[in-house]
Amino acid sequence: MSISIANDFSRVPAGRYHPSDGNKSGERFRSEFLAKRLLESDERVTVSLDGVVGFPSSFLEEAFGGLVRAGFKYDVLRKRLKIVTTEPRKQRYVEQIWQYIRDAKEEAVA
């Protein structure tokens, strides 16, 4: 199962919260696309970062770190969530996403 942020959601994602930050927010992407796919099936979900103009940190943190706050376990996400890009300049976002997930896990433990 795969999600292309650019094709399925927006080429210009922005903001953290929905509706206050608009329809392209991390909260909306997480709840209506990412969490929904993770809950629909036990299949691995691959998220492609290709084709997006850029990623505000607020969008990424809410979309991906927010999964942990929404009840998804870190170990389950490591097995079932794959973040990919073929664009070298976006590779840094892959690690940034996993860092947001790790940070949310640590905050949940504290």
PDB file of N, CA and C in Angstrom:
ATOM      1  N   MET A   1       0.852  -1.163   0.000  1.00  0.00           N
ATOM      2  CA  MET A   1       0.000   0.000   0.000  1.00  0.00           C
ATOM      3  C   MET A   1       0.903   1.233   0.000  1.00  0.00           C
ATOM      4  N   SER A   2       0.596   2.187  -0.834  1.00  0.00           N
ATOM      5  CA  SER A   2       1.469   3.362  -0.917  1.00  0.00           C
ATOM      6  C   SER A   2       0.666   4.662  -0.939  1.00  0.00           C
ATOM      7  N   ILE A   3       1.353   5.698  -0.485  1.00  0.00           N
ATOM      8  CA  ILE A   3       0.806   7.053  -0.491  1.00  0.00           C
ATOM      9  C   ILE A   3       1.864   7.957  -1.103  1.00  0.00           C
ATOM     10  N   SER A   4       1.483   8.705  -2.107  1.00  0.00           N
ATOM     11  CA  SER A   4       2.337   9.760  -2.645  1.00  0.00           C
ATOM     12  C   SER A   4       1.802  11.071  -2.079  1.00  0.00           C
ATOM     13  N   ILE A   5       2.609  11.724  -1.257  1.00  0.00           N
ATOM     14  CA  ILE A   5       2.129  12.978  -0.668  1.00  0.00           C
ATOM     15  C   ILE A   5       1.760  13.962  -1.772  1.00  0.00           C
ATOM     16  N   ALA A   6       2.598  14.076  -2.801  1.00  0.00           N
ATOM     17  CA  ALA A   6       2.348  15.032  -3.886  1.00  0.00           C
ATOM     18  C   ALA A   6       1.084  14.690  -4.672  1.00  0.00           C
ATOM     19  N   ASN A   7       0.901  13.425  -5.013  1.00  0.00           N
ATOM     20  CA  ASN A   7      -0.226  13.036  -5.863  1.00  0.00           C
ATOM     21  C   ASN A   7      -1.520  12.802  -5.093  1.00  0.00           C
ATOM     22  N   ASP A   8      -1.409  12.276  -3.887  1.00  0.00           N
ATOM     23  CA  ASP A   8      -2.607  11.927  -3.126  1.00  0.00           C
ATOM     24  C   ASP A   8      -3.069  13.015  -2.163  1.00  0.00           C
ATOM     25  N   PHE A   9      -2.164  13.931  -1.820  1.00  0.00           N
ATOM     26  CA  PHE A   9      -2.497  14.938  -0.809  1.00  0.00           C
ATOM     27  C   PHE A   9      -2.238  16.356  -1.312  1.00  0.00           C
ATOM     28  N   SER A  10      -0.980  16.754  -1.427  1.00  0.00           N
ATOM     29  CA  SER A  10      -0.658  18.115  -1.878  1.00  0.00           C
ATOM     30  C   SER A  10       0.814  18.221  -2.257  1.00  0.00           C
ATOM     31  N   ARG A  11       1.095  18.993  -3.293  1.00  0.00           N
ATOM     32  CA  ARG A  11       2.482  19.289  -3.657  1.00  0.00           C
ATOM     33  C   ARG A  11       3.073  20.347  -2.730  1.00  0.00           C
ATOM     34  N   VAL A  12       2.205  21.057  -1.999  1.00  0.00           N
ATOM     35  CA  VAL A  12       2.674  22.105  -1.079  1.00  0.00           C
ATOM     36  C   VAL A  12       2.018  21.930   0.302  1.00  0.00           C
ATOM     37  N   PRO A  13       2.381  20.863   1.016  1.00  0.00           N
ATOM     38  CA  PRO A  13       1.817  20.679   2.350  1.00  0.00           C
ATOM     39  C   PRO A  13       2.290  21.787   3.280  1.00  0.00           C
ATOM     40  N   ALA A  14       1.438  22.152   4.229  1.00  0.00           N
ATOM     41  CA  ALA A  14       1.797  23.271   5.112  1.00  0.00           C
ATOM     42  C   ALA A  14       0.996  23.217   6.397  1.00  0.00           C
ATOM     43  N   GLY A  15       1.650  23.564   7.471  1.00  0.00           N
ATOM     44  CA  GLY A  15       0.964  23.728   8.743  1.00  0.00           C
ATOM     45  C   GLY A  15       0.825  22.452   9.542  1.00  0.00           C
ATOM     46  N   ARG A  16       0.423  22.642  10.767  1.00  0.00           N
ATOM     47  CA  ARG A  16       0.300  21.543  11.726  1.00  0.00           C
ATOM     48  C   ARG A  16      -1.149  21.093  11.888  1.00  0.00           C
ATOM     49  N   TYR A  17      -2.034  22.027  12.210  1.00  0.00           N
ATOM     50  CA  TYR A  17      -3.383  21.662  12.632  1.00  0.00           C
ATOM     51  C   TYR A  17      -4.429  21.920  11.557  1.00  0.00           C
ATOM     52  N   HIS A  18      -5.479  21.095  11.611  1.00  0.00           N
ATOM     53  CA  HIS A  18      -6.624  21.244  10.726  1.00  0.00           C
ATOM     54  C   HIS A  18      -7.831  21.508  11.617  1.00  0.00           C
ATOM     55  N   PRO A  19      -8.638  22.462  11.347  1.00  0.00           N
ATOM     56  CA  PRO A  19      -8.678  23.310  10.166  1.00  0.00           C
ATOM     57  C   PRO A  19      -7.917  24.628  10.290  1.00  0.00           C
ATOM     58  N   SER A  20      -7.387  24.960  11.463  1.00  0.00           N
ATOM     59  CA  SER A  20      -6.796  26.294  11.651  1.00  0.00           C
ATOM     60  C   SER A  20      -5.647  26.595  10.700  1.00  0.00           C
ATOM     61  N   ASP A  21      -4.852  25.587  10.332  1.00  0.00           N
ATOM     62  CA  ASP A  21      -3.741  25.807   9.398  1.00  0.00           C
ATOM     63  C   ASP A  21      -4.089  25.426   7.965  1.00  0.00           C
ATOM     64  N   GLY A  22      -5.345  25.101   7.706  1.00  0.00           N
ATOM     65  CA  GLY A  22      -5.785  24.810   6.349  1.00  0.00           C
ATOM     66  C   GLY A  22      -5.894  23.324   6.041  1.00  0.00           C
ATOM     67  N   ASN A  23      -6.294  23.049   4.807  1.00  0.00           N
ATOM     68  CA  ASN A  23      -6.541  21.679   4.360  1.00  0.00           C
ATOM     69  C   ASN A  23      -5.287  20.903   3.992  1.00  0.00           C
ATOM     70  N   LYS A  24      -4.133  21.540   4.026  1.00  0.00           N
ATOM     71  CA  LYS A  24      -2.886  20.868   3.652  1.00  0.00           C
ATOM     72  C   LYS A  24      -2.020  20.591   4.883  1.00  0.00           C
ATOM     73  N   SER A  25      -2.647  20.503   6.038  1.00  0.00           N
ATOM     74  CA  SER A  25      -1.930  20.379   7.311  1.00  0.00           C
ATOM     75  C   SER A  25      -1.466  18.952   7.596  1.00  0.00           C
ATOM     76  N   GLY A  26      -0.487  18.857   8.472  1.00  0.00           N
ATOM     77  CA  GLY A  26       0.021  17.564   8.908  1.00  0.00           C
ATOM     78  C   GLY A  26      -1.031  16.744   9.633  1.00  0.00           C
ATOM     79  N   GLU A  27      -1.854  17.403  10.430  1.00  0.00           N
ATOM     80  CA  GLU A  27      -2.908  16.700  11.157  1.00  0.00           C
ATOM     81  C   GLU A  27      -3.891  16.042  10.187  1.00  0.00           C
ATOM     82  N   ARG A  28      -4.278  16.751   9.159  1.00  0.00           N
ATOM     83  CA  ARG A  28      -5.214  16.189   8.180  1.00  0.00           C
ATOM     84  C   ARG A  28      -4.566  15.044   7.412  1.00  0.00           C
ATOM     85  N   PHE A  29      -3.312  15.220   6.983  1.00  0.00           N
ATOM     86  CA  PHE A  29      -2.630  14.141   6.270  1.00  0.00           C
ATOM     87  C   PHE A  29      -2.546  12.895   7.153  1.00  0.00           C
ATOM     88  N   ARG A  30      -2.171  13.096   8.413  1.00  0.00           N
ATOM     89  CA  ARG A  30      -2.053  11.959   9.330  1.00  0.00           C
ATOM     90  C   ARG A  30      -3.390  11.248   9.503  1.00  0.00           C
ATOM     91  N   SER A  31      -4.429  11.987   9.819  1.00  0.00           N
ATOM     92  CA  SER A  31      -5.703  11.344  10.154  1.00  0.00           C
ATOM     93  C   SER A  31      -6.438  10.783   8.937  1.00  0.00           C
ATOM     94  N   GLU A  32      -6.442  11.513   7.832  1.00  0.00           N
ATOM     95  CA  GLU A  32      -7.241  11.092   6.679  1.00  0.00           C
ATOM     96  C   GLU A  32      -6.494  10.201   5.692  1.00  0.00           C
ATOM     97  N   PHE A  33      -5.181  10.187   5.758  1.00  0.00           N
ATOM     98  CA  PHE A  33      -4.410   9.384   4.807  1.00  0.00           C
ATOM     99  C   PHE A  33      -3.541   8.349   5.515  1.00  0.00           C
ATOM    100  N   LEU A  34      -2.610   8.798   6.321  1.00  0.00           N
ATOM    101  CA  LEU A  34      -1.596   7.919   6.892  1.00  0.00           C
ATOM    102  C   LEU A  34      -2.171   6.956   7.940  1.00  0.00           C
ATOM    103  N   ALA A  35      -2.787   7.464   8.974  1.00  0.00           N
ATOM    104  CA  ALA A  35      -3.354   6.593  10.013  1.00  0.00           C
ATOM    105  C   ALA A  35      -4.439   5.694   9.433  1.00  0.00           C
ATOM    106  N   LYS A  36      -5.229   6.237   8.549  1.00  0.00           N
ATOM    107  CA  LYS A  36      -6.299   5.462   7.919  1.00  0.00           C
ATOM    108  C   LYS A  36      -5.730   4.237   7.215  1.00  0.00           C
ATOM    109  N   ARG A  37      -4.660   4.414   6.444  1.00  0.00           N
ATOM    110  CA  ARG A  37      -4.045   3.286   5.731  1.00  0.00           C
ATOM    111  C   ARG A  37      -3.415   2.285   6.704  1.00  0.00           C
ATOM    112  N   LEU A  38      -2.784   2.798   7.745  1.00  0.00           N
ATOM    113  CA  LEU A  38      -2.170   1.904   8.732  1.00  0.00           C
ATOM    114  C   LEU A  38      -3.221   1.069   9.466  1.00  0.00           C
ATOM    115  N   LEU A  39      -4.393   1.624   9.665  1.00  0.00           N
ATOM    116  CA  LEU A  39      -5.461   0.910  10.366  1.00  0.00           C
ATOM    117  C   LEU A  39      -6.255  -0.031   9.458  1.00  0.00           C
ATOM    118  N   GLU A  40      -6.284   0.257   8.162  1.00  0.00           N
ATOM    119  CA  GLU A  40      -7.074  -0.533   7.210  1.00  0.00           C
ATOM    120  C   GLU A  40      -6.538  -1.941   7.010  1.00  0.00           C
ATOM    121  N   SER A  41      -5.235  -2.094   7.164  1.00  0.00           N
ATOM    122  CA  SER A  41      -4.606  -3.352   6.800  1.00  0.00           C
ATOM    123  C   SER A  41      -3.321  -3.543   7.591  1.00  0.00           C
ATOM    124  N   ASP A  42      -2.823  -4.760   7.595  1.00  0.00           N
ATOM    125  CA  ASP A  42      -1.538  -5.045   8.229  1.00  0.00           C
ATOM    126  C   ASP A  42      -0.382  -4.903   7.246  1.00  0.00           C
ATOM    127  N   GLU A  43      -0.682  -4.502   6.022  1.00  0.00           N
ATOM    128  CA  GLU A  43       0.359  -4.312   5.007  1.00  0.00           C
ATOM    129  C   GLU A  43       1.283  -3.159   5.385  1.00  0.00           C
ATOM    130  N   ARG A  44       2.472  -3.193   4.827  1.00  0.00           N
ATOM    131  CA  ARG A  44       3.409  -2.085   4.987  1.00  0.00           C
ATOM    132  C   ARG A  44       2.894  -0.901   4.166  1.00  0.00           C
ATOM    133  N   VAL A  45       3.001   0.281   4.732  1.00  0.00           N
ATOM    134  CA  VAL A  45       2.587   1.506   4.049  1.00  0.00           C
ATOM    135  C   VAL A  45       3.849   2.260   3.643  1.00  0.00           C
ATOM    136  N   THR A  46       3.977   2.502   2.348  1.00  0.00           N
ATOM    137  CA  THR A  46       5.114   3.242   1.816  1.00  0.00           C
ATOM    138  C   THR A  46       4.658   4.654   1.478  1.00  0.00           C
ATOM    139  N   VAL A  47       5.357   5.637   2.032  1.00  0.00           N
ATOM    140  CA  VAL A  47       5.032   7.043   1.791  1.00  0.00           C
ATOM    141  C   VAL A  47       6.137   7.647   0.941  1.00  0.00           C
ATOM    142  N   SER A  48       5.764   8.152  -0.231  1.00  0.00           N
ATOM    143  CA  SER A  48       6.723   8.792  -1.129  1.00  0.00           C
ATOM    144  C   SER A  48       6.726  10.304  -0.917  1.00  0.00           C
ATOM    145  N   LEU A  49       7.939  10.836  -0.767  1.00  0.00           N
ATOM    146  CA  LEU A  49       8.118  12.279  -0.611  1.00  0.00           C
ATOM    147  C   LEU A  49       8.338  12.983  -1.952  1.00  0.00           C
ATOM    148  N   ASP A  50       8.474  12.226  -3.017  1.00  0.00           N
ATOM    149  CA  ASP A  50       8.788  12.788  -4.334  1.00  0.00           C
ATOM    150  C   ASP A  50       7.693  13.730  -4.837  1.00  0.00           C
ATOM    151  N   GLY A  51       8.116  14.772  -5.527  1.00  0.00           N
ATOM    152  CA  GLY A  51       7.192  15.685  -6.180  1.00  0.00           C
ATOM    153  C   GLY A  51       6.668  16.819  -5.319  1.00  0.00           C
ATOM    154  N   VAL A  52       7.000  16.798  -4.038  1.00  0.00           N
ATOM    155  CA  VAL A  52       6.551  17.861  -3.140  1.00  0.00           C
ATOM    156  C   VAL A  52       7.550  19.012  -3.195  1.00  0.00           C
ATOM    157  N   VAL A  53       7.055  20.228  -3.190  1.00  0.00           N
ATOM    158  CA  VAL A  53       7.918  21.411  -3.270  1.00  0.00           C
ATOM    159  C   VAL A  53       8.841  21.490  -2.062  1.00  0.00           C
ATOM    160  N   GLY A  54       8.315  21.245  -0.873  1.00  0.00           N
ATOM    161  CA  GLY A  54       9.099  21.289   0.358  1.00  0.00           C
ATOM    162  C   GLY A  54       8.241  20.863   1.529  1.00  0.00           C
ATOM    163  N   PHE A  55       8.887  20.653   2.673  1.00  0.00           N
ATOM    164  CA  PHE A  55       8.173  20.183   3.857  1.00  0.00           C
ATOM    165  C   PHE A  55       8.454  21.068   5.060  1.00  0.00           C
ATOM    166  N   PRO A  56       7.476  21.831   5.514  1.00  0.00           N
ATOM    167  CA  PRO A  56       7.651  22.566   6.765  1.00  0.00           C
ATOM    168  C   PRO A  56       7.786  21.572   7.924  1.00  0.00           C
ATOM    169  N   SER A  57       8.630  21.894   8.877  1.00  0.00           N
ATOM    170  CA  SER A  57       8.838  20.994  10.011  1.00  0.00           C
ATOM    171  C   SER A  57       7.540  20.756  10.779  1.00  0.00           C
ATOM    172  N   SER A  58       6.688  21.757  10.858  1.00  0.00           N
ATOM    173  CA  SER A  58       5.421  21.590  11.586  1.00  0.00           C
ATOM    174  C   SER A  58       4.542  20.524  10.924  1.00  0.00           C
ATOM    175  N   PHE A  59       4.545  20.491   9.605  1.00  0.00           N
ATOM    176  CA  PHE A  59       3.784  19.469   8.883  1.00  0.00           C
ATOM    177  C   PHE A  59       4.337  18.080   9.192  1.00  0.00           C
ATOM    178  N   LEU A  60       5.654  17.917   9.038  1.00  0.00           N
ATOM    179  CA  LEU A  60       6.266  16.603   9.243  1.00  0.00           C
ATOM    180  C   LEU A  60       6.107  16.112  10.673  1.00  0.00           C
ATOM    181  N   GLU A  61       6.320  16.992  11.634  1.00  0.00           N
ATOM    182  CA  GLU A  61       6.227  16.576  13.034  1.00  0.00           C
ATOM    183  C   GLU A  61       4.810  16.132  13.378  1.00  0.00           C
ATOM    184  N   GLU A  62       3.828  16.888  12.941  1.00  0.00           N
ATOM    185  CA  GLU A  62       2.443  16.533  13.257  1.00  0.00           C
ATOM    186  C   GLU A  62       1.999  15.286  12.501  1.00  0.00           C
ATOM    187  N   ALA A  63       2.360  15.188  11.235  1.00  0.00           N
ATOM    188  CA  ALA A  63       1.946  14.039  10.431  1.00  0.00           C
ATOM    189  C   ALA A  63       2.555  12.742  10.940  1.00  0.00           C
ATOM    190  N   PHE A  64       3.848  12.757  11.252  1.00  0.00           N
ATOM    191  CA  PHE A  64       4.546  11.519  11.587  1.00  0.00           C
ATOM    192  C   PHE A  64       4.773  11.343  13.087  1.00  0.00           C
ATOM    193  N   GLY A  65       5.260  12.367  13.769  1.00  0.00           N
ATOM    194  CA  GLY A  65       5.372  12.289  15.224  1.00  0.00           C
ATOM    195  C   GLY A  65       4.001  12.121  15.855  1.00  0.00           C
ATOM    196  N   GLY A  66       3.015  12.732  15.225  1.00  0.00           N
ATOM    197  CA  GLY A  66       1.643  12.639  15.711  1.00  0.00           C
ATOM    198  C   GLY A  66       1.081  11.228  15.698  1.00  0.00           C
ATOM    199  N   LEU A  67       1.663  10.343  14.884  1.00  0.00           N
ATOM    200  CA  LEU A  67       1.212   8.949  14.888  1.00  0.00           C
ATOM    201  C   LEU A  67       1.397   8.321  16.267  1.00  0.00           C
ATOM    202  N   VAL A  68       2.528   8.614  16.897  1.00  0.00           N
ATOM    203  CA  VAL A  68       2.804   8.069  18.230  1.00  0.00           C
ATOM    204  C   VAL A  68       1.808   8.641  19.235  1.00  0.00           C
ATOM    205  N   ARG A  69       1.574   9.931  19.162  1.00  0.00           N
ATOM    206  CA  ARG A  69       0.610  10.556  20.079  1.00  0.00           C
ATOM    207  C   ARG A  69      -0.810  10.042  19.848  1.00  0.00           C
ATOM    208  N   ALA A  70      -1.072   9.559  18.624  1.00  0.00           N
ATOM    209  CA  ALA A  70      -2.392   9.005  18.303  1.00  0.00           C
ATOM    210  C   ALA A  70      -2.512   7.536  18.711  1.00  0.00           C
ATOM    211  N   GLY A  71      -1.432   6.970  19.271  1.00  0.00           N
ATOM    212  CA  GLY A  71      -1.518   5.609  19.786  1.00  0.00           C
ATOM    213  C   GLY A  71      -0.758   4.545  19.027  1.00  0.00           C
ATOM    214  N   PHE A  72      -0.116   4.902  17.924  1.00  0.00           N
ATOM    215  CA  PHE A  72       0.678   3.923  17.180  1.00  0.00           C
ATOM    216  C   PHE A  72       2.002   3.690  17.907  1.00  0.00           C
ATOM    217  N   LYS A  73       2.376   2.439  18.066  1.00  0.00           N
ATOM    218  CA  LYS A  73       3.614   2.072  18.752  1.00  0.00           C
ATOM    219  C   LYS A  73       4.808   2.232  17.813  1.00  0.00           C
ATOM    220  N   TYR A  74       5.908   2.716  18.382  1.00  0.00           N
ATOM    221  CA  TYR A  74       7.138   2.939  17.618  1.00  0.00           C
ATOM    222  C   TYR A  74       7.586   1.670  16.887  1.00  0.00           C
ATOM    223  N   ASP A  75       7.623   0.540  17.591  1.00  0.00           N
ATOM    224  CA  ASP A  75       8.092  -0.707  16.976  1.00  0.00           C
ATOM    225  C   ASP A  75       7.211  -1.127  15.804  1.00  0.00           C
ATOM    226  N   VAL A  76       5.932  -0.899  15.927  1.00  0.00           N
ATOM    227  CA  VAL A  76       5.003  -1.219  14.840  1.00  0.00           C
ATOM    228  C   VAL A  76       5.267  -0.303  13.644  1.00  0.00           C
ATOM    229  N   LEU A  77       5.488   0.974  13.912  1.00  0.00           N
ATOM    230  CA  LEU A  77       5.774   1.915  12.822  1.00  0.00           C
ATOM    231  C   LEU A  77       7.068   1.545  12.108  1.00  0.00           C
ATOM    232  N   ARG A  78       8.097   1.119  12.847  1.00  0.00           N
ATOM    233  CA  ARG A  78       9.368   0.724  12.214  1.00  0.00           C
ATOM    234  C   ARG A  78       9.155  -0.428  11.242  1.00  0.00           C
ATOM    235  N   LYS A  79       8.231  -1.319  11.561  1.00  0.00           N
ATOM    236  CA  LYS A  79       7.968  -2.478  10.703  1.00  0.00           C
ATOM    237  C   LYS A  79       7.032  -2.153   9.549  1.00  0.00           C
ATOM    238  N   ARG A  80       6.075  -1.279   9.801  1.00  0.00           N
ATOM    239  CA  ARG A  80       4.996  -1.100   8.833  1.00  0.00           C
ATOM    240  C   ARG A  80       5.040   0.182   8.031  1.00  0.00           C
ATOM    241  N   LEU A  81       5.922   1.113   8.387  1.00  0.00           N
ATOM    242  CA  LEU A  81       5.979   2.400   7.697  1.00  0.00           C
ATOM    243  C   LEU A  81       7.320   2.546   6.997  1.00  0.00           C
ATOM    244  N   LYS A  82       7.261   2.820   5.714  1.00  0.00           N
ATOM    245  CA  LYS A  82       8.484   3.029   4.931  1.00  0.00           C
ATOM    246  C   LYS A  82       8.373   4.395   4.262  1.00  0.00           C
ATOM    247  N   ILE A  83       9.389   5.226   4.468  1.00  0.00           N
ATOM    248  CA  ILE A  83       9.424   6.563   3.875  1.00  0.00           C
ATOM    249  C   ILE A  83      10.461   6.525   2.761  1.00  0.00           C
ATOM    250  N   VAL A  84      10.069   6.927   1.551  1.00  0.00           N
ATOM    251  CA  VAL A  84      10.983   6.832   0.411  1.00  0.00           C
ATOM    252  C   VAL A  84      11.031   8.131  -0.384  1.00  0.00           C
ATOM    253  N   THR A  85      12.158   8.306  -1.062  1.00  0.00           N
ATOM    254  CA  THR A  85      12.319   9.386  -2.035  1.00  0.00           C
ATOM    255  C   THR A  85      13.405   8.989  -3.020  1.00  0.00           C
ATOM    256  N   THR A  86      13.232   9.400  -4.256  1.00  0.00           N
ATOM    257  CA  THR A  86      14.284   9.216  -5.261  1.00  0.00           C
ATOM    258  C   THR A  86      15.035  10.520  -5.486  1.00  0.00           C
ATOM    259  N   GLU A  87      14.608  11.571  -4.789  1.00  0.00           N
ATOM    260  CA  GLU A  87      15.203  12.892  -4.941  1.00  0.00           C
ATOM    261  C   GLU A  87      16.260  13.109  -3.855  1.00  0.00           C
ATOM    262  N   PRO A  88      17.533  13.211  -4.245  1.00  0.00           N
ATOM    263  CA  PRO A  88      18.611  13.345  -3.257  1.00  0.00           C
ATOM    264  C   PRO A  88      18.399  14.482  -2.253  1.00  0.00           C
ATOM    265  N   ARG A  89      17.862  15.604  -2.694  1.00  0.00           N
ATOM    266  CA  ARG A  89      17.693  16.735  -1.772  1.00  0.00           C
ATOM    267  C   ARG A  89      16.600  16.492  -0.727  1.00  0.00           C
ATOM    268  N   LYS A  90      15.787  15.486  -0.934  1.00  0.00           N
ATOM    269  CA  LYS A  90      14.729  15.170   0.040  1.00  0.00           C
ATOM    270  C   LYS A  90      15.122  14.044   0.987  1.00  0.00           C
ATOM    271  N   GLN A  91      16.278  13.448   0.770  1.00  0.00           N
ATOM    272  CA  GLN A  91      16.707  12.339   1.625  1.00  0.00           C
ATOM    273  C   GLN A  91      16.779  12.756   3.100  1.00  0.00           C
ATOM    274  N   ARG A  92      17.155  13.991   3.351  1.00  0.00           N
ATOM    275  CA  ARG A  92      17.258  14.459   4.740  1.00  0.00           C
ATOM    276  C   ARG A  92      15.912  14.421   5.456  1.00  0.00           C
ATOM    277  N   TYR A  93      14.827  14.544   4.704  1.00  0.00           N
ATOM    278  CA  TYR A  93      13.501  14.498   5.318  1.00  0.00           C
ATOM    279  C   TYR A  93      13.175  13.106   5.864  1.00  0.00           C
ATOM    280  N   VAL A  94      13.721  12.070   5.234  1.00  0.00           N
ATOM    281  CA  VAL A  94      13.468  10.706   5.708  1.00  0.00           C
ATOM    282  C   VAL A  94      13.975  10.565   7.143  1.00  0.00           C
ATOM    283  N   GLU A  95      15.222  10.977   7.380  1.00  0.00           N
ATOM    284  CA  GLU A  95      15.777  10.896   8.736  1.00  0.00           C
ATOM    285  C   GLU A  95      15.049  11.844   9.687  1.00  0.00           C
ATOM    286  N   GLN A  96      14.683  13.006   9.196  1.00  0.00           N
ATOM    287  CA  GLN A  96      13.961  13.970  10.036  1.00  0.00           C
ATOM    288  C   GLN A  96      12.625  13.379  10.506  1.00  0.00           C
ATOM    289  N   ILE A  97      11.933  12.702   9.613  1.00  0.00           N
ATOM    290  CA  ILE A  97      10.657  12.068   9.963  1.00  0.00           C
ATOM    291  C   ILE A  97      10.855  11.035  11.065  1.00  0.00           C
ATOM    292  N   TRP A  98      11.870  10.184  10.898  1.00  0.00           N
ATOM    293  CA  TRP A  98      12.110   9.158  11.924  1.00  0.00           C
ATOM    294  C   TRP A  98      12.545   9.789  13.240  1.00  0.00           C
ATOM    295  N   GLN A  99      13.236  10.905  13.172  1.00  0.00           N
ATOM    296  CA  GLN A  99      13.608  11.593  14.409  1.00  0.00           C
ATOM    297  C   GLN A  99      12.366  12.132  15.122  1.00  0.00           C
ATOM    298  N   TYR A 100      11.424  12.673  14.373  1.00  0.00           N
ATOM    299  CA  TYR A 100      10.179  13.145  14.981  1.00  0.00           C
ATOM    300  C   TYR A 100       9.422  11.990  15.642  1.00  0.00           C
ATOM    301  N   ILE A 101       9.427  10.840  15.006  1.00  0.00           N
ATOM    302  CA  ILE A 101       8.754   9.671  15.578  1.00  0.00           C
ATOM    303  C   ILE A 101       9.464   9.226  16.857  1.00  0.00           C
ATOM    304  N   ARG A 102      10.802   9.183  16.833  1.00  0.00           N
ATOM    305  CA  ARG A 102      11.564   8.813  18.039  1.00  0.00           C
ATOM    306  C   ARG A 102      11.331   9.818  19.168  1.00  0.00           C
ATOM    307  N   ASP A 103      11.335  11.098  18.825  1.00  0.00           N
ATOM    308  CA  ASP A 103      11.108  12.137  19.836  1.00  0.00           C
ATOM    309  C   ASP A 103       9.731  11.985  20.481  1.00  0.00           C
ATOM    310  N   ALA A 104       8.721  11.713  19.667  1.00  0.00           N
ATOM    311  CA  ALA A 104       7.366  11.531  20.201  1.00  0.00           C
ATOM    312  C   ALA A 104       7.308  10.305  21.104  1.00  0.00           C
ATOM    313  N   LYS A 105       8.051   9.261  20.739  1.00  0.00           N
ATOM    314  CA  LYS A 105       8.112   8.057  21.578  1.00  0.00           C
ATOM    315  C   LYS A 105       8.727   8.391  22.932  1.00  0.00           C
ATOM    316  N   GLU A 106       9.818   9.155  22.915  1.00  0.00           N
ATOM    317  CA  GLU A 106      10.487   9.537  24.165  1.00  0.00           C
ATOM    318  C   GLU A 106       9.585  10.418  25.032  1.00  0.00           C
ATOM    319  N   GLU A 107       8.855  11.330  24.404  1.00  0.00           N
ATOM    320  CA  GLU A 107       7.936  12.196  25.150  1.00  0.00           C
ATOM    321  C   GLU A 107       6.810  11.382  25.785  1.00  0.00           C
ATOM    322  N   ALA A 108       6.380  10.335  25.088  1.00  0.00           N
ATOM    323  CA  ALA A 108       5.302   9.494  25.612  1.00  0.00           C
ATOM    324  C   ALA A 108       5.758   8.709  26.834  1.00  0.00           C
ATOM    325  N   VAL A 109       7.037   8.376  26.884  1.00  0.00           N
ATOM    326  CA  VAL A 109       7.593   7.610  28.003  1.00  0.00           C
ATOM    327  C   VAL A 109       7.822   8.504  29.214  1.00  0.00           C
ATOM    328  N   ALA A 110       8.178   9.759  28.956  1.00  0.00           N
ATOM    329  CA  ALA A 110       8.528  10.689  30.051  1.00  0.00           C
ATOM    330  C   ALA A 110       7.338  11.085  30.890  1.00  0.00           C
TER     331      ALA A 110
END
